[in-house]
Amino acid sequence: MTLSFQCAFSQIGINSPNPQGVLHIDGQKDNPASGSTFTPAQQSNDVLVNSAGKIGAGTLSPTVKIDARNSGNGAIGFGTSTLTAAAADEGAVRYNNGVEYSNGNEWLPLLTAQPASNKVIVIAAKTTNNVKLVTPATPTITAGLQNRASNYLVDWSKTFESNSGTSFNAATGIFTAPRNGIYVATFTTDLAPLAINYTTDPLNPIQIEAIWQLYDNTAGLAITNVVNTVKCANTMSSNSIVNIDAGSNCTASFYMTAGQRLMPYIWFNLNNSNVANFSLNNTGGYNNLTIAEQ
């Protein structure tokens, strides 16, 4: 009795006499009978499993475990799942009113829809002493800041605004929200060196305040139009012997509806002068403003 054993290694082709992998399915029977050159159209209806266990759908050269990149329809559809994130384990993907992935503990959004419009970003600098005193509604621009008064900062130089936009009016210092959303606003200010000389008053401490004022979506700039105010104060512990800089900054987040307006101003109580004869430190780039839509 003679026993004979043979081991055969083969590739399986379905609808294809010329398989290019361990398993090769030609959906439209349009592949060449020989050779290794396949057009993108011929590959687009094929499914292949190669010797590395990689699956190509529409491609005969998969480079990852499942590869559907091709010149035709390479979209992959994900279904929903009632599994918990822990049960699905890390790396699982599902569709649940948006694509989500599991980190092993919870399902998290995988993709965020792009906004219909690019986000607004404004950058501006101030190099003049022009302000509107007491109220931004006043038609008069004063070329000097005043102690113990609201100094609304106007006459900015706009360095940048995304999309060549017009949300920020550099002349008035007013930013108008183009749509509902969260906006982060920050500005820094620095007065030219001065002598801090003010009689101690517990009700009016020596300080400089940087303030953001949010107005409604009308045209008014009166106190009745104010929606919110955020104040950031920088206090001084004592009078100065020599002239020194006094500055402050304020960063705040606002939920703004379309048309609402935002404006910065400063208030300071640094000496006994009550005339508009104070100057900003206009050299060195100390007075800046940035507003960014989130």
C-alpha atoms as a PDB file:
ATOM      1  CA  MET A   1       0.000   0.000   0.000  1.00  0.00           C
ATOM      2  CA  THR A   2       1.340   3.363  -0.965  1.00  0.00           C
ATOM      3  CA  LEU A   3       0.144   6.568   0.696  1.00  0.00           C
ATOM      4  CA  SER A   4       0.699   9.929  -0.959  1.00  0.00           C
ATOM      5  CA  PHE A   5       0.226  13.364   0.710  1.00  0.00           C
ATOM      6  CA  GLN A   6       0.167  16.633  -1.169  1.00  0.00           C
ATOM      7  CA  CYS A   7      -0.214  20.201   0.123  1.00  0.00           C
ATOM      8  CA  ALA A   8      -1.802  22.669  -2.242  1.00  0.00           C
ATOM      9  CA  PHE A   9      -1.788  26.432  -1.893  1.00  0.00           C
ATOM     10  CA  SER A  10      -4.220  28.248  -4.103  1.00  0.00           C
ATOM     11  CA  GLN A  11      -6.077  31.492  -4.635  1.00  0.00           C
ATOM     12  CA  ILE A  12      -9.826  31.514  -4.993  1.00  0.00           C
ATOM     13  CA  GLY A  13     -11.442  33.612  -7.653  1.00  0.00           C
ATOM     14  CA  ILE A  14     -15.187  34.134  -7.842  1.00  0.00           C
ATOM     15  CA  ASN A  15     -16.255  35.329 -11.282  1.00  0.00           C
ATOM     16  CA  SER A  16     -12.534  35.763 -11.958  1.00  0.00           C
ATOM     17  CA  PRO A  17     -10.112  33.299 -13.557  1.00  0.00           C
ATOM     18  CA  ASN A  18      -7.274  35.608 -12.536  1.00  0.00           C
ATOM     19  CA  PRO A  19      -7.462  36.120  -8.747  1.00  0.00           C
ATOM     20  CA  GLN A  20      -5.009  38.620  -7.256  1.00  0.00           C
ATOM     21  CA  GLY A  21      -5.349  37.560  -3.632  1.00  0.00           C
ATOM     22  CA  VAL A  22      -6.279  34.662  -1.373  1.00  0.00           C
ATOM     23  CA  LEU A  23      -9.926  35.483  -2.163  1.00  0.00           C
ATOM     24  CA  HIS A  24     -10.914  37.675  -5.087  1.00  0.00           C
ATOM     25  CA  ILE A  25     -14.516  38.419  -6.047  1.00  0.00           C
ATOM     26  CA  ASP A  26     -15.201  40.156  -9.361  1.00  0.00           C
ATOM     27  CA  GLY A  27     -18.717  41.516  -9.062  1.00  0.00           C
ATOM     28  CA  GLN A  28     -19.193  42.412 -12.740  1.00  0.00           C
ATOM     29  CA  LYS A  29     -17.011  39.698 -14.360  1.00  0.00           C
ATOM     30  CA  ASP A  30     -15.090  42.421 -16.131  1.00  0.00           C
ATOM     31  CA  ASN A  31     -11.526  41.600 -15.064  1.00  0.00           C
ATOM     32  CA  PRO A  32      -8.825  40.503 -17.568  1.00  0.00           C
ATOM     33  CA  ALA A  33      -8.216  36.784 -17.876  1.00  0.00           C
ATOM     34  CA  SER A  34      -4.529  37.191 -17.208  1.00  0.00           C
ATOM     35  CA  GLY A  35      -1.986  39.718 -16.077  1.00  0.00           C
ATOM     36  CA  SER A  36      -1.947  42.065 -13.108  1.00  0.00           C
ATOM     37  CA  THR A  37      -3.121  45.307 -14.684  1.00  0.00           C
ATOM     38  CA  PHE A  38      -6.654  46.260 -13.678  1.00  0.00           C
ATOM     39  CA  THR A  39      -8.340  49.536 -14.523  1.00  0.00           C
ATOM     40  CA  PRO A  40      -9.956  51.573 -11.716  1.00  0.00           C
ATOM     41  CA  ALA A  41     -13.361  50.742 -13.186  1.00  0.00           C
ATOM     42  CA  GLN A  42     -12.588  47.007 -13.042  1.00  0.00           C
ATOM     43  CA  GLN A  43     -11.360  47.256  -9.463  1.00  0.00           C
ATOM     44  CA  SER A  44     -14.354  49.322  -8.340  1.00  0.00           C
ATOM     45  CA  ASN A  45     -16.661  46.279  -8.241  1.00  0.00           C
ATOM     46  CA  ASP A  46     -14.144  43.865  -6.724  1.00  0.00           C
ATOM     47  CA  VAL A  47     -13.560  42.615  -3.193  1.00  0.00           C
ATOM     48  CA  LEU A  48     -10.191  41.123  -2.295  1.00  0.00           C
ATOM     49  CA  VAL A  49      -8.566  39.502   0.731  1.00  0.00           C
ATOM     50  CA  ASN A  50      -4.788  39.379   0.485  1.00  0.00           C
ATOM     51  CA  SER A  51      -2.268  37.147   2.234  1.00  0.00           C
ATOM     52  CA  ALA A  52      -1.850  39.684   5.047  1.00  0.00           C
ATOM     53  CA  GLY A  53      -5.543  39.442   5.870  1.00  0.00           C
ATOM     54  CA  LYS A  54      -6.286  42.923   4.545  1.00  0.00           C
ATOM     55  CA  ILE A  55      -9.580  43.499   2.771  1.00  0.00           C
ATOM     56  CA  GLY A  56      -9.931  45.739  -0.235  1.00  0.00           C
ATOM     57  CA  ALA A  57     -13.384  46.886  -1.364  1.00  0.00           C
ATOM     58  CA  GLY A  58     -13.001  48.554  -4.740  1.00  0.00           C
ATOM     59  CA  THR A  59      -9.217  48.287  -4.594  1.00  0.00           C
ATOM     60  CA  LEU A  60      -6.832  45.387  -5.168  1.00  0.00           C
ATOM     61  CA  SER A  61      -4.077  46.969  -3.090  1.00  0.00           C
ATOM     62  CA  PRO A  62      -5.430  47.409   0.461  1.00  0.00           C
ATOM     63  CA  THR A  63      -2.938  49.039   2.806  1.00  0.00           C
ATOM     64  CA  VAL A  64      -5.020  48.830   5.993  1.00  0.00           C
ATOM     65  CA  LYS A  65      -7.235  46.107   7.422  1.00  0.00           C
ATOM     66  CA  ILE A  66     -10.272  47.392   5.523  1.00  0.00           C
ATOM     67  CA  ASP A  67      -9.563  49.666   2.572  1.00  0.00           C
ATOM     68  CA  ALA A  68     -12.379  51.113   0.442  1.00  0.00           C
ATOM     69  CA  ARG A  69     -10.426  53.872  -1.281  1.00  0.00           C
ATOM     70  CA  ASN A  70     -11.069  53.874  -4.993  1.00  0.00           C
ATOM     71  CA  SER A  71     -11.929  56.181  -7.855  1.00  0.00           C
ATOM     72  CA  GLY A  72     -15.633  55.429  -7.628  1.00  0.00           C
ATOM     73  CA  ASN A  73     -17.903  55.241  -4.591  1.00  0.00           C
ATOM     74  CA  GLY A  74     -15.629  54.664  -1.609  1.00  0.00           C
ATOM     75  CA  ALA A  75     -18.145  55.603   1.068  1.00  0.00           C
ATOM     76  CA  ILE A  76     -18.520  53.300   4.069  1.00  0.00           C
ATOM     77  CA  GLY A  77     -21.860  53.089   5.879  1.00  0.00           C
ATOM     78  CA  PHE A  78     -22.033  52.660   9.655  1.00  0.00           C
ATOM     79  CA  GLY A  79     -25.110  51.368  11.405  1.00  0.00           C
ATOM     80  CA  THR A  80     -26.419  52.217  14.853  1.00  0.00           C
ATOM     81  CA  SER A  81     -25.801  50.061  17.901  1.00  0.00           C
ATOM     82  CA  THR A  82     -27.449  49.632  21.291  1.00  0.00           C
ATOM     83  CA  LEU A  83     -24.242  48.290  22.821  1.00  0.00           C
ATOM     84  CA  THR A  84     -22.748  50.301  25.625  1.00  0.00           C
ATOM     85  CA  ALA A  85     -19.361  51.849  24.915  1.00  0.00           C
ATOM     86  CA  ALA A  86     -17.783  49.395  27.357  1.00  0.00           C
ATOM     87  CA  ALA A  87     -19.396  46.409  25.642  1.00  0.00           C
ATOM     88  CA  ALA A  88     -18.402  47.651  22.196  1.00  0.00           C
ATOM     89  CA  ASP A  89     -14.879  48.304  23.544  1.00  0.00           C
ATOM     90  CA  GLU A  90     -12.334  50.881  22.480  1.00  0.00           C
ATOM     91  CA  GLY A  91     -12.213  51.817  18.807  1.00  0.00           C
ATOM     92  CA  ALA A  92     -15.765  50.762  17.904  1.00  0.00           C
ATOM     93  CA  VAL A  93     -17.657  53.118  15.582  1.00  0.00           C
ATOM     94  CA  ARG A  94     -21.390  53.606  15.171  1.00  0.00           C
ATOM     95  CA  TYR A  95     -23.878  56.073  13.676  1.00  0.00           C
ATOM     96  CA  ASN A  96     -26.152  57.793  16.194  1.00  0.00           C
ATOM     97  CA  ASN A  97     -27.372  61.053  14.625  1.00  0.00           C
ATOM     98  CA  GLY A  98     -23.707  61.520  13.773  1.00  0.00           C
ATOM     99  CA  VAL A  99     -20.657  59.271  13.756  1.00  0.00           C
ATOM    100  CA  GLU A 100     -19.479  58.266  17.234  1.00  0.00           C
ATOM    101  CA  TYR A 101     -16.588  56.207  18.540  1.00  0.00           C
ATOM    102  CA  SER A 102     -16.112  54.302  21.775  1.00  0.00           C
ATOM    103  CA  ASN A 103     -13.197  55.032  24.099  1.00  0.00           C
ATOM    104  CA  GLY A 104     -14.190  52.052  26.228  1.00  0.00           C
ATOM    105  CA  ASN A 105     -16.189  54.173  28.663  1.00  0.00           C
ATOM    106  CA  GLU A 106     -18.507  56.351  26.576  1.00  0.00           C
ATOM    107  CA  TRP A 107     -19.579  57.077  23.039  1.00  0.00           C
ATOM    108  CA  LEU A 108     -18.025  60.317  21.765  1.00  0.00           C
ATOM    109  CA  PRO A 109     -18.702  62.333  18.608  1.00  0.00           C
ATOM    110  CA  LEU A 110     -16.134  61.503  15.949  1.00  0.00           C
ATOM    111  CA  LEU A 111     -16.791  64.365  13.567  1.00  0.00           C
ATOM    112  CA  THR A 112     -18.050  67.907  14.034  1.00  0.00           C
ATOM    113  CA  ALA A 113     -19.989  69.502  11.220  1.00  0.00           C
ATOM    114  CA  GLN A 114     -18.165  72.374   9.614  1.00  0.00           C
ATOM    115  CA  PRO A 115     -19.824  75.765  10.084  1.00  0.00           C
ATOM    116  CA  ALA A 116     -21.636  77.277   7.140  1.00  0.00           C
ATOM    117  CA  SER A 117     -19.347  80.293   7.550  1.00  0.00           C
ATOM    118  CA  ASN A 118     -15.794  80.463   8.808  1.00  0.00           C
ATOM    119  CA  LYS A 119     -15.405  81.647  12.381  1.00  0.00           C
ATOM    120  CA  VAL A 120     -14.817  85.341  12.987  1.00  0.00           C
ATOM    121  CA  ILE A 121     -11.437  86.406  14.363  1.00  0.00           C
ATOM    122  CA  VAL A 122     -10.567  90.064  14.920  1.00  0.00           C
ATOM    123  CA  ILE A 123      -7.182  91.500  15.909  1.00  0.00           C
ATOM    124  CA  ALA A 124      -6.727  95.240  16.402  1.00  0.00           C
ATOM    125  CA  ALA A 125      -4.254  97.670  17.942  1.00  0.00           C
ATOM    126  CA  LYS A 126      -4.696 101.139  19.394  1.00  0.00           C
ATOM    127  CA  THR A 127      -2.028 103.791  18.880  1.00  0.00           C
ATOM    128  CA  THR A 128      -3.980 107.005  19.557  1.00  0.00           C
ATOM    129  CA  ASN A 129      -5.417 108.638  22.672  1.00  0.00           C
ATOM    130  CA  ASN A 130      -8.854 109.113  21.114  1.00  0.00           C
ATOM    131  CA  VAL A 131     -11.739 108.134  23.372  1.00  0.00           C
ATOM    132  CA  LYS A 132     -15.390 108.894  23.961  1.00  0.00           C
ATOM    133  CA  LEU A 133     -15.929 110.047  27.532  1.00  0.00           C
ATOM    134  CA  VAL A 134     -18.748 108.955  29.861  1.00  0.00           C
ATOM    135  CA  THR A 135     -20.853 107.299  27.133  1.00  0.00           C
ATOM    136  CA  PRO A 136     -20.066 105.799  23.722  1.00  0.00           C
ATOM    137  CA  ALA A 137     -23.173 107.555  22.401  1.00  0.00           C
ATOM    138  CA  THR A 138     -21.534 110.962  22.632  1.00  0.00           C
ATOM    139  CA  PRO A 139     -20.686 112.387  19.194  1.00  0.00           C
ATOM    140  CA  THR A 140     -17.510 114.008  20.513  1.00  0.00           C
ATOM    141  CA  ILE A 141     -14.137 112.273  20.359  1.00  0.00           C
ATOM    142  CA  THR A 142     -11.679 113.472  22.986  1.00  0.00           C
ATOM    143  CA  ALA A 143      -7.927 113.301  22.314  1.00  0.00           C
ATOM    144  CA  GLY A 144      -6.987 112.353  25.841  1.00  0.00           C
ATOM    145  CA  LEU A 145      -8.109 110.074  28.655  1.00  0.00           C
ATOM    146  CA  GLN A 146      -9.643 111.326  31.876  1.00  0.00           C
ATOM    147  CA  ASN A 147      -9.187 110.168  35.447  1.00  0.00           C
ATOM    148  CA  ARG A 148     -12.325 108.884  37.209  1.00  0.00           C
ATOM    149  CA  ALA A 149     -14.291 108.735  33.941  1.00  0.00           C
ATOM    150  CA  SER A 150     -15.393 106.032  31.525  1.00  0.00           C
ATOM    151  CA  ASN A 151     -13.008 106.148  28.553  1.00  0.00           C
ATOM    152  CA  TYR A 152     -14.569 104.271  25.618  1.00  0.00           C
ATOM    153  CA  LEU A 153     -11.762 103.196  23.298  1.00  0.00           C
ATOM    154  CA  VAL A 154     -12.333 104.283  19.694  1.00  0.00           C
ATOM    155  CA  ASP A 155     -10.109 104.808  16.664  1.00  0.00           C
ATOM    156  CA  TRP A 156      -8.471 101.370  16.511  1.00  0.00           C
ATOM    157  CA  SER A 157      -6.260 100.041  13.718  1.00  0.00           C
ATOM    158  CA  LYS A 158      -7.618  96.700  12.545  1.00  0.00           C
ATOM    159  CA  THR A 159      -4.726  94.318  11.991  1.00  0.00           C
ATOM    160  CA  PHE A 160      -6.798  91.343  10.859  1.00  0.00           C
ATOM    161  CA  GLU A 161     -10.362  90.170  10.451  1.00  0.00           C
ATOM    162  CA  SER A 162     -11.124  86.757   8.995  1.00  0.00           C
ATOM    163  CA  ASN A 163     -13.049  86.481   5.721  1.00  0.00           C
ATOM    164  CA  SER A 164     -12.324  90.162   5.024  1.00  0.00           C
ATOM    165  CA  GLY A 165     -15.263  90.754   7.350  1.00  0.00           C
ATOM    166  CA  THR A 166     -16.829  93.888   8.728  1.00  0.00           C
ATOM    167  CA  SER A 167     -17.959  92.670  12.151  1.00  0.00           C
ATOM    168  CA  PHE A 168     -15.520  95.017  13.878  1.00  0.00           C
ATOM    169  CA  ASN A 169     -15.808  98.749  13.276  1.00  0.00           C
ATOM    170  CA  ALA A 170     -12.322 100.058  14.003  1.00  0.00           C
ATOM    171  CA  ALA A 171     -13.471 103.693  14.084  1.00  0.00           C
ATOM    172  CA  THR A 172     -16.107 103.161  16.785  1.00  0.00           C
ATOM    173  CA  GLY A 173     -14.442 100.220  18.559  1.00  0.00           C
ATOM    174  CA  ILE A 174     -17.690  98.247  18.317  1.00  0.00           C
ATOM    175  CA  PHE A 175     -17.837  94.545  17.430  1.00  0.00           C
ATOM    176  CA  THR A 176     -21.196  93.274  16.141  1.00  0.00           C
ATOM    177  CA  ALA A 177     -21.953  89.538  16.345  1.00  0.00           C
ATOM    178  CA  PRO A 178     -22.740  88.180  12.862  1.00  0.00           C
ATOM    179  CA  ARG A 179     -24.692  85.240  14.329  1.00  0.00           C
ATOM    180  CA  ASN A 180     -25.633  83.578  17.603  1.00  0.00           C
ATOM    181  CA  GLY A 181     -22.678  81.995  19.374  1.00  0.00           C
ATOM    182  CA  ILE A 182     -19.904  82.139  21.942  1.00  0.00           C
ATOM    183  CA  TYR A 183     -17.308  84.890  21.538  1.00  0.00           C
ATOM    184  CA  VAL A 184     -14.111  85.245  23.572  1.00  0.00           C
ATOM    185  CA  ALA A 185     -12.911  88.839  23.822  1.00  0.00           C
ATOM    186  CA  THR A 186      -9.699  90.165  25.317  1.00  0.00           C
ATOM    187  CA  PHE A 187      -7.972  93.513  25.389  1.00  0.00           C
ATOM    188  CA  THR A 188      -4.938  94.980  27.120  1.00  0.00           C
ATOM    189  CA  THR A 189      -4.315  98.618  27.905  1.00  0.00           C
ATOM    190  CA  ASP A 190      -1.387 100.573  29.300  1.00  0.00           C
ATOM    191  CA  LEU A 191      -1.229 104.242  30.240  1.00  0.00           C
ATOM    192  CA  ALA A 192       1.866 106.289  29.538  1.00  0.00           C
ATOM    193  CA  PRO A 193       4.081 106.653  32.644  1.00  0.00           C
ATOM    194  CA  LEU A 194       2.461 108.911  35.210  1.00  0.00           C
ATOM    195  CA  ALA A 195       2.687 109.778  38.883  1.00  0.00           C
ATOM    196  CA  ILE A 196       0.172 107.830  40.917  1.00  0.00           C
ATOM    197  CA  ASN A 197      -0.849 110.359  43.504  1.00  0.00           C
ATOM    198  CA  TYR A 198      -4.275 110.049  45.026  1.00  0.00           C
ATOM    199  CA  THR A 199      -5.528 110.478  48.561  1.00  0.00           C
ATOM    200  CA  THR A 200      -6.439 107.113  50.057  1.00  0.00           C
ATOM    201  CA  ASP A 201     -10.162 106.520  49.786  1.00  0.00           C
ATOM    202  CA  PRO A 202     -11.549 103.093  50.744  1.00  0.00           C
ATOM    203  CA  LEU A 203     -14.573 103.650  48.506  1.00  0.00           C
ATOM    204  CA  ASN A 204     -12.436 104.573  45.499  1.00  0.00           C
ATOM    205  CA  PRO A 205      -9.162 102.618  45.661  1.00  0.00           C
ATOM    206  CA  ILE A 206      -6.201 103.410  43.435  1.00  0.00           C
ATOM    207  CA  GLN A 207      -6.805 101.200  40.423  1.00  0.00           C
ATOM    208  CA  ILE A 208      -7.254 100.897  36.668  1.00  0.00           C
ATOM    209  CA  GLU A 209     -10.136  98.869  35.260  1.00  0.00           C
ATOM    210  CA  ALA A 210     -10.442  97.193  31.856  1.00  0.00           C
ATOM    211  CA  ILE A 211     -14.109  96.673  31.036  1.00  0.00           C
ATOM    212  CA  TRP A 212     -16.144  94.934  28.332  1.00  0.00           C
ATOM    213  CA  GLN A 213     -19.669  96.210  27.749  1.00  0.00           C
ATOM    214  CA  LEU A 214     -22.239  94.129  25.873  1.00  0.00           C
ATOM    215  CA  TYR A 215     -25.132  95.960  24.206  1.00  0.00           C
ATOM    216  CA  ASP A 216     -28.387  94.698  22.721  1.00  0.00           C
ATOM    217  CA  ASN A 217     -29.016  94.342  18.990  1.00  0.00           C
ATOM    218  CA  THR A 218     -30.578  97.764  18.520  1.00  0.00           C
ATOM    219  CA  ALA A 219     -28.693 100.880  17.470  1.00  0.00           C
ATOM    220  CA  GLY A 220     -28.721 102.385  20.960  1.00  0.00           C
ATOM    221  CA  LEU A 221     -25.667 102.795  23.193  1.00  0.00           C
ATOM    222  CA  ALA A 222     -27.453 104.082  26.299  1.00  0.00           C
ATOM    223  CA  ILE A 223     -27.307 102.427  29.703  1.00  0.00           C
ATOM    224  CA  THR A 224     -30.712 100.899  28.941  1.00  0.00           C
ATOM    225  CA  ASN A 225     -29.126  99.035  26.019  1.00  0.00           C
ATOM    226  CA  VAL A 226     -26.501  97.323  28.184  1.00  0.00           C
ATOM    227  CA  VAL A 227     -26.963  93.542  28.412  1.00  0.00           C
ATOM    228  CA  ASN A 228     -23.867  92.617  30.399  1.00  0.00           C
ATOM    229  CA  THR A 229     -20.672  94.159  31.783  1.00  0.00           C
ATOM    230  CA  VAL A 230     -17.434  92.383  32.723  1.00  0.00           C
ATOM    231  CA  LYS A 231     -14.901  94.375  34.730  1.00  0.00           C
ATOM    232  CA  CYS A 232     -11.260  93.437  35.391  1.00  0.00           C
ATOM    233  CA  ALA A 233      -9.466  95.653  37.937  1.00  0.00           C
ATOM    234  CA  ASN A 234      -5.776  96.126  38.642  1.00  0.00           C
ATOM    235  CA  THR A 235      -5.250  97.862  41.990  1.00  0.00           C
ATOM    236  CA  MET A 236      -2.200  99.789  43.168  1.00  0.00           C
ATOM    237  CA  SER A 237      -1.195  99.487  46.826  1.00  0.00           C
ATOM    238  CA  SER A 238       0.249 102.987  47.238  1.00  0.00           C
ATOM    239  CA  ASN A 239       1.250 106.202  45.538  1.00  0.00           C
ATOM    240  CA  SER A 240       4.374 106.254  43.405  1.00  0.00           C
ATOM    241  CA  ILE A 241       7.496 108.344  43.919  1.00  0.00           C
ATOM    242  CA  VAL A 242       8.292 108.482  40.186  1.00  0.00           C
ATOM    243  CA  ASN A 243       6.236 108.164  37.033  1.00  0.00           C
ATOM    244  CA  ILE A 244       5.251 104.540  36.342  1.00  0.00           C
ATOM    245  CA  ASP A 245       3.105 102.608  33.867  1.00  0.00           C
ATOM    246  CA  ALA A 246      -0.387 101.601  34.927  1.00  0.00           C
ATOM    247  CA  GLY A 247      -2.144  98.967  32.892  1.00  0.00           C
ATOM    248  CA  SER A 248      -4.826  96.327  32.939  1.00  0.00           C
ATOM    249  CA  ASN A 249      -6.372  93.633  30.779  1.00  0.00           C
ATOM    250  CA  CYS A 250      -9.684  91.845  30.553  1.00  0.00           C
ATOM    251  CA  THR A 251     -10.678  88.536  28.967  1.00  0.00           C
ATOM    252  CA  ALA A 252     -14.289  87.390  28.967  1.00  0.00           C
ATOM    253  CA  SER A 253     -16.595  84.972  27.167  1.00  0.00           C
ATOM    254  CA  PHE A 254     -19.992  86.129  25.968  1.00  0.00           C
ATOM    255  CA  TYR A 255     -22.958  84.364  24.455  1.00  0.00           C
ATOM    256  CA  MET A 256     -24.065  86.875  21.841  1.00  0.00           C
ATOM    257  CA  THR A 257     -27.095  86.809  19.614  1.00  0.00           C
ATOM    258  CA  ALA A 258     -26.841  88.146  16.078  1.00  0.00           C
ATOM    259  CA  GLY A 259     -26.621  91.933  16.099  1.00  0.00           C
ATOM    260  CA  GLN A 260     -25.543  92.349  19.717  1.00  0.00           C
ATOM    261  CA  ARG A 261     -22.542  94.641  20.159  1.00  0.00           C
ATOM    262  CA  LEU A 262     -19.409  94.525  22.272  1.00  0.00           C
ATOM    263  CA  MET A 263     -17.161  97.461  23.192  1.00  0.00           C
ATOM    264  CA  PRO A 264     -14.125  97.950  25.476  1.00  0.00           C
ATOM    265  CA  TYR A 265     -13.501 100.864  27.797  1.00  0.00           C
ATOM    266  CA  ILE A 266     -11.273 101.728  30.736  1.00  0.00           C
ATOM    267  CA  TRP A 267     -11.822 103.563  34.016  1.00  0.00           C
ATOM    268  CA  PHE A 268      -9.019 104.599  36.346  1.00  0.00           C
ATOM    269  CA  ASN A 269      -8.519 106.384  39.614  1.00  0.00           C
ATOM    270  CA  LEU A 270      -4.838 107.228  39.793  1.00  0.00           C
ATOM    271  CA  ASN A 271      -4.420 110.873  40.820  1.00  0.00           C
ATOM    272  CA  ASN A 272      -6.292 114.069  41.607  1.00  0.00           C
ATOM    273  CA  SER A 273      -6.446 115.381  38.036  1.00  0.00           C
ATOM    274  CA  ASN A 274      -9.904 115.353  36.497  1.00  0.00           C
ATOM    275  CA  VAL A 275      -9.089 116.713  33.059  1.00  0.00           C
ATOM    276  CA  ALA A 276      -8.673 114.717  29.872  1.00  0.00           C
ATOM    277  CA  ASN A 277      -4.902 114.948  29.747  1.00  0.00           C
ATOM    278  CA  PHE A 278      -3.812 111.337  30.123  1.00  0.00           C
ATOM    279  CA  SER A 279      -2.195 109.329  27.343  1.00  0.00           C
ATOM    280  CA  LEU A 280      -1.908 105.691  26.471  1.00  0.00           C
ATOM    281  CA  ASN A 281       1.507 104.123  26.097  1.00  0.00           C
ATOM    282  CA  ASN A 282       1.316 104.152  22.318  1.00  0.00           C
ATOM    283  CA  THR A 283       4.690 102.582  21.621  1.00  0.00           C
ATOM    284  CA  GLY A 284       5.614  98.952  22.141  1.00  0.00           C
ATOM    285  CA  GLY A 285       2.282  97.410  21.203  1.00  0.00           C
ATOM    286  CA  TYR A 286       0.707  97.468  24.664  1.00  0.00           C
ATOM    287  CA  ASN A 287      -2.860  98.304  23.628  1.00  0.00           C
ATOM    288  CA  ASN A 288      -4.426  95.440  21.727  1.00  0.00           C
ATOM    289  CA  LEU A 289      -7.753  93.726  21.184  1.00  0.00           C
ATOM    290  CA  THR A 290      -8.684  90.216  20.055  1.00  0.00           C
ATOM    291  CA  ILE A 291     -12.169  88.760  19.549  1.00  0.00           C
ATOM    292  CA  ALA A 292     -12.616  85.146  18.479  1.00  0.00           C
ATOM    293  CA  GLU A 293     -15.812  83.274  17.678  1.00  0.00           C
ATOM    294  CA  GLN A 294     -15.815  79.808  19.231  1.00  0.00           C
END
